[in-house]
């Protein structure tokens, strides 16, 4: 089976399962129109699309591995943010929620912003407001991102976050709201299954914090660029990101030492608020 045959093969699997296209599309968190385009070869599905469709069809692990290997032959795919906005930012958040509900291991590196799963509602609003969303869409997207945060309380998952020190100081919201955001990071870092680390500016580095990326289950990497989200699936490329993550992990503060550093920055914001 090659890439051009993948859509037809997925359609055959669905028909054999006896499930209607609308039901499969709903379970796969995509529109029925998109599923139809995939099945008819008008759209080449990404790895995440194929994985969600196969999960909706409840196929065996052997069948899933075969189909995903074909999808991964595409190695790298990019989805422009303008297409995400056209589809609906809240729907993109729903797709991410579906991915996070199935994953067991997450490694997230962020040199620019507090990771979405750790953000307070005020911080979420400030980040999403950059996209010029209407108020209804903004609130819907915020609710979905907050829904995603339920994964933090699933102790069966291994969630690892690394941020650089400037992330804690970047003033996306007011000083009082930044203090609340840092308090949330301190609190969440104590939950089982969650590891939050901070790379301090004082640490000697041998690598460069190029951009944010998320590794899920050592299988896929999502890279956020200015114009698009790039999905990496080739195992050789995924391993590069894993090594980069582990390199920063080794130079980062964690546990009580990390919490003390975050608390000191929080207190700086609080003192500044008092003098205004």
Protein backbone atom coordinates (compact mmCIF):
# COMPACT_ATOMS: atom_id res chain seq x y z
CA UNK A 1 0.00 0.00 0.00
CA UNK A 2 1.39 3.40 -0.97
CA UNK A 3 0.33 6.92 -0.02
CA UNK A 4 -2.08 7.33 -2.94
CA UNK A 5 -3.92 4.17 -1.91
CA UNK A 6 -4.21 5.14 1.75
CA UNK A 7 -7.51 7.00 1.47
CA UNK A 8 -9.22 4.18 -0.41
CA UNK A 9 -7.89 1.67 2.10
CA UNK A 10 -9.26 3.72 5.00
CA UNK A 11 -12.64 3.88 3.27
CA UNK A 12 -12.62 0.11 2.83
CA UNK A 13 -11.80 -0.34 6.51
CA UNK A 14 -14.68 1.90 7.52
CA UNK A 15 -17.14 0.15 5.24
CA UNK A 16 -16.03 -3.24 6.56
CA UNK A 17 -16.61 -2.00 10.11
CA UNK A 18 -20.21 -1.08 9.27
CA UNK A 19 -19.78 2.40 10.74
CA UNK A 20 -21.24 5.45 9.05
CA UNK A 21 -18.89 8.16 7.84
CA UNK A 22 -20.50 10.81 10.06
CA UNK A 23 -19.99 8.71 13.19
CA UNK A 24 -16.35 7.99 12.34
CA UNK A 25 -15.68 11.64 11.53
CA UNK A 26 -17.21 12.72 14.84
CA UNK A 27 -15.09 10.24 16.82
CA UNK A 28 -11.99 11.28 14.85
CA UNK A 29 -12.65 14.96 15.65
CA UNK A 30 -12.89 16.05 12.02
CA UNK A 31 -15.63 17.13 9.67
CA UNK A 32 -17.47 14.58 7.54
CA UNK A 33 -16.34 16.59 4.50
CA UNK A 34 -12.68 16.16 5.42
CA UNK A 35 -13.12 12.42 5.98
CA UNK A 36 -14.80 12.15 2.58
CA UNK A 37 -11.90 13.99 0.91
CA UNK A 38 -9.40 11.68 2.61
CA UNK A 39 -11.30 8.54 1.60
CA UNK A 40 -11.60 9.73 -2.01
CA UNK A 41 -7.94 10.70 -2.32
CA UNK A 42 -8.53 14.44 -2.64
CA UNK A 43 -6.66 15.14 0.60
CA UNK A 44 -3.55 13.30 1.76
CA UNK A 45 -4.13 12.65 5.48
CA UNK A 46 -1.56 13.48 8.12
CA UNK A 47 -0.36 10.92 10.63
CA UNK A 48 -2.59 12.37 13.34
CA UNK A 49 -5.61 12.18 11.00
CA UNK A 50 -4.92 8.52 10.22
CA UNK A 51 -4.40 7.67 13.89
CA UNK A 52 -7.69 9.26 14.89
CA UNK A 53 -9.58 7.49 12.09
CA UNK A 54 -8.09 4.13 13.02
CA UNK A 55 -8.93 4.68 16.69
CA UNK A 56 -12.50 5.55 15.71
CA UNK A 57 -12.66 2.28 13.76
CA UNK A 58 -11.18 0.32 16.71
CA UNK A 59 -8.81 -1.66 14.48
CA UNK A 60 -6.18 -4.05 15.81
CA UNK A 61 -2.71 -2.85 16.77
CA UNK A 62 -1.27 -4.74 13.79
CA UNK A 63 -3.55 -2.98 11.31
CA UNK A 64 -2.90 0.37 12.99
CA UNK A 65 0.88 -0.13 12.75
CA UNK A 66 0.63 -0.97 9.04
CA UNK A 67 -1.47 2.07 8.16
CA UNK A 68 0.55 4.46 10.31
CA UNK A 69 3.79 3.33 8.69
CA UNK A 70 2.37 4.42 5.34
CA UNK A 71 1.27 7.76 6.78
CA UNK A 72 4.69 8.31 8.33
CA UNK A 73 6.30 7.87 4.93
CA UNK A 74 5.32 11.50 4.41
CA UNK A 75 7.80 12.23 7.23
CA UNK A 76 6.99 15.92 7.64
CA UNK A 77 3.84 17.91 6.99
CA UNK A 78 2.96 21.54 7.62
CA UNK A 79 -0.42 23.11 8.35
CA UNK A 80 -0.47 26.87 7.84
CA UNK A 81 -2.07 28.85 10.68
CA UNK A 82 -4.36 30.57 8.17
CA UNK A 83 -5.85 27.14 7.40
CA UNK A 84 -6.24 26.45 11.11
CA UNK A 85 -8.13 29.74 11.51
CA UNK A 86 -10.30 28.87 8.52
CA UNK A 87 -11.12 25.47 10.03
CA UNK A 88 -11.70 27.01 13.45
CA UNK A 89 -9.10 27.45 16.18
CA UNK A 90 -11.40 25.75 18.69
CA UNK A 91 -11.60 22.67 16.43
CA UNK A 92 -7.81 22.54 16.32
CA UNK A 93 -7.85 22.60 20.12
CA UNK A 94 -10.34 19.70 20.09
CA UNK A 95 -8.01 17.70 17.86
CA UNK A 96 -5.14 18.35 20.24
CA UNK A 97 -7.34 17.29 23.16
CA UNK A 98 -8.02 13.99 21.38
CA UNK A 99 -4.29 13.43 20.85
CA UNK A 100 -3.49 14.18 24.49
CA UNK A 101 -6.19 11.86 25.76
CA UNK A 102 -4.52 8.92 24.00
CA UNK A 103 -0.85 9.69 24.61
CA UNK A 104 1.10 8.33 27.57
CA UNK A 105 4.28 10.41 27.40
CA UNK A 106 4.58 14.11 26.57
CA UNK A 107 7.77 16.14 26.35
CA UNK A 108 7.22 19.86 25.76
CA UNK A 109 9.94 22.48 25.31
CA UNK A 110 8.91 26.13 25.27
CA UNK A 111 11.33 29.09 25.06
CA UNK A 112 8.66 31.76 24.43
CA UNK A 113 5.42 31.21 26.38
CA UNK A 114 4.00 29.30 29.33
CA UNK A 115 2.87 25.93 27.88
CA UNK A 116 -0.86 25.84 27.13
CA UNK A 117 -1.56 23.02 29.58
CA UNK A 118 -0.12 25.11 32.41
CA UNK A 119 -1.73 28.46 31.53
CA UNK A 120 -4.24 30.33 33.70
CA UNK A 121 -7.48 31.49 32.02
CA UNK A 122 -6.20 35.09 31.91
CA UNK A 123 -2.96 34.00 30.25
CA UNK A 124 -4.90 31.86 27.76
CA UNK A 125 -7.06 34.85 26.81
CA UNK A 126 -4.00 37.04 26.28
CA UNK A 127 -2.31 34.44 24.06
CA UNK A 128 -5.41 33.70 21.97
CA UNK A 129 -6.31 37.38 21.61
CA UNK A 130 -3.34 37.77 19.26
CA UNK A 131 -5.33 35.89 16.60
CA UNK A 132 -8.12 38.49 16.29
CA UNK A 133 -10.84 35.98 17.07
CA UNK A 134 -14.42 37.06 17.62
CA UNK A 135 -15.56 37.00 21.25
CA UNK A 136 -17.71 33.87 20.80
CA UNK A 137 -14.90 31.95 19.08
CA UNK A 138 -12.40 33.20 21.66
CA UNK A 139 -14.53 31.94 24.56
CA UNK A 140 -15.16 28.61 22.84
CA UNK A 141 -11.45 28.14 22.19
CA UNK A 142 -10.60 29.10 25.77
CA UNK A 143 -13.06 26.53 27.12
CA UNK A 144 -11.53 23.81 24.96
CA UNK A 145 -8.00 24.68 26.08
CA UNK A 146 -9.13 24.58 29.71
CA UNK A 147 -10.80 21.20 29.02
CA UNK A 148 -7.43 19.98 27.72
CA UNK A 149 -5.91 20.71 31.12
CA UNK A 150 -7.83 17.81 32.66
CA UNK A 151 -5.02 15.59 31.36
CA UNK A 152 -2.80 17.10 34.07
CA UNK A 153 -4.75 15.19 36.71
CA UNK A 154 -4.41 11.80 35.00
CA UNK A 155 -1.69 10.13 37.06
CA UNK A 156 -1.24 7.40 34.44
CA UNK A 157 0.41 9.89 32.09
CA UNK A 158 3.99 11.15 32.14
CA UNK A 159 4.01 14.89 31.37
CA UNK A 160 7.34 16.69 31.16
CA UNK A 161 7.69 20.43 30.60
CA UNK A 162 10.83 22.52 30.09
CA UNK A 163 10.72 26.30 29.79
CA UNK A 164 13.52 28.84 29.69
CA UNK A 165 13.78 31.54 32.35
CA UNK A 166 12.66 34.40 30.03
CA UNK A 167 9.30 32.63 29.65
CA UNK A 168 8.62 33.32 33.33
CA UNK A 169 9.38 37.01 32.87
CA UNK A 170 7.67 37.68 29.52
CA UNK A 171 4.79 40.02 30.37
CA UNK A 172 1.87 38.64 28.42
CA UNK A 173 -0.47 39.77 31.23
CA UNK A 174 -0.28 42.26 34.11
CA UNK A 175 2.20 41.83 36.96
CA UNK A 176 -0.50 40.52 39.32
CA UNK A 177 -1.70 38.04 36.70
CA UNK A 178 1.89 36.96 36.03
CA UNK A 179 2.27 36.27 39.75
CA UNK A 180 -0.89 34.11 39.63
CA UNK A 181 0.47 32.28 36.59
CA UNK A 182 3.73 31.48 38.34
CA UNK A 183 1.84 30.32 41.42
CA UNK A 184 -0.06 27.90 39.18
CA UNK A 185 3.18 26.47 37.82
CA UNK A 186 4.48 25.91 41.34
CA UNK A 187 1.25 24.18 42.34
CA UNK A 188 1.00 21.96 39.25
CA UNK A 189 4.65 20.91 39.56
CA UNK A 190 3.72 19.00 42.73
CA UNK A 191 1.17 16.78 40.99
CA UNK A 192 2.12 13.13 40.35
CA UNK A 193 3.22 12.46 36.80
CA UNK A 194 4.17 16.09 36.12
CA UNK A 195 7.76 17.27 35.81
CA UNK A 196 8.31 21.00 35.28
CA UNK A 197 11.85 22.27 34.70
CA UNK A 198 13.29 25.73 34.07
CA UNK A 199 16.51 26.41 32.18
CA UNK A 200 18.10 29.37 34.04
CA UNK A 201 19.90 32.12 32.18
CA UNK A 202 22.89 31.53 34.46
CA UNK A 203 23.40 27.97 33.21
CA UNK A 204 26.18 27.38 30.69
CA UNK A 205 24.65 26.07 27.46
CA UNK A 206 25.97 24.08 24.53
CA UNK A 207 22.70 24.19 22.56
CA UNK A 208 20.33 26.86 21.23
CA UNK A 209 16.66 27.27 22.20
CA UNK A 210 15.46 27.59 18.60
CA UNK A 211 11.70 27.16 18.95
CA UNK A 212 8.94 25.38 20.82
CA UNK A 213 8.22 21.72 20.17
CA UNK A 214 6.09 18.92 21.59
CA UNK A 215 7.03 15.22 21.47
CA UNK A 216 4.21 12.74 21.99
CA UNK A 217 4.99 9.10 22.81
CA UNK A 218 8.34 9.28 20.98
CA UNK A 219 6.33 9.00 17.74
CA UNK A 220 5.48 12.51 16.58
CA UNK A 221 6.83 16.01 17.09
CA UNK A 222 4.77 19.18 16.63
CA UNK A 223 6.85 22.27 15.89
CA UNK A 224 5.30 25.73 15.99
CA UNK A 225 6.69 28.23 13.50
CA UNK A 226 5.44 31.73 12.73
CA UNK A 227 3.36 30.62 9.73
CA UNK A 228 2.53 26.96 10.41
CA UNK A 229 2.61 23.94 12.67
CA UNK A 230 5.00 21.32 11.34
CA UNK A 231 4.44 17.66 12.23
CA UNK A 232 7.51 15.41 12.22
CA UNK A 233 7.10 11.63 12.17
CA UNK A 234 10.29 10.16 10.72
CA UNK A 235 11.88 8.26 13.66
CA UNK A 236 15.32 9.64 12.78
CA UNK A 237 14.06 13.21 13.05
CA UNK A 238 11.99 12.51 16.16
CA UNK A 239 15.15 11.23 17.85
CA UNK A 240 16.85 14.59 17.20
CA UNK A 241 14.16 16.37 19.17
CA UNK A 242 14.31 13.82 21.97
CA UNK A 243 18.06 14.38 22.31
CA UNK A 244 17.56 18.17 22.29
CA UNK A 245 14.91 17.89 25.01
CA UNK A 246 17.07 15.67 27.18
CA UNK A 247 20.01 18.04 26.73
CA UNK A 248 18.04 20.99 28.07
CA UNK A 249 16.58 18.78 30.79
CA UNK A 250 20.08 18.09 32.10
CA UNK A 251 20.82 21.82 32.53
CA UNK A 252 17.41 22.79 33.96
CA UNK A 253 16.35 23.29 37.56
CA UNK A 254 13.64 20.98 38.90
CA UNK A 255 11.87 20.08 42.13
CA UNK A 256 12.30 22.39 45.11
CA UNK A 257 15.15 24.29 43.42
CA UNK A 258 12.92 25.08 40.44
CA UNK A 259 10.01 26.07 42.69
CA UNK A 260 12.26 28.41 44.70
CA UNK A 261 13.39 30.14 41.52
CA UNK A 262 9.82 30.55 40.22
CA UNK A 263 8.69 31.84 43.63
CA UNK A 264 11.46 34.46 43.60
CA UNK A 265 10.33 35.75 40.19
CA UNK A 266 6.71 35.71 41.38
CA UNK A 267 7.70 37.80 44.39
CA UNK A 268 9.42 40.30 42.09
CA UNK A 269 6.12 40.77 40.26
CA UNK A 270 4.26 41.17 43.57
CA UNK A 271 6.71 43.79 44.85
CA UNK A 272 6.40 45.67 41.57
CA UNK A 273 2.64 45.64 41.85
CA UNK A 274 2.83 47.12 45.36
CA UNK A 275 4.98 50.04 44.21
CA UNK A 276 2.74 51.01 41.28
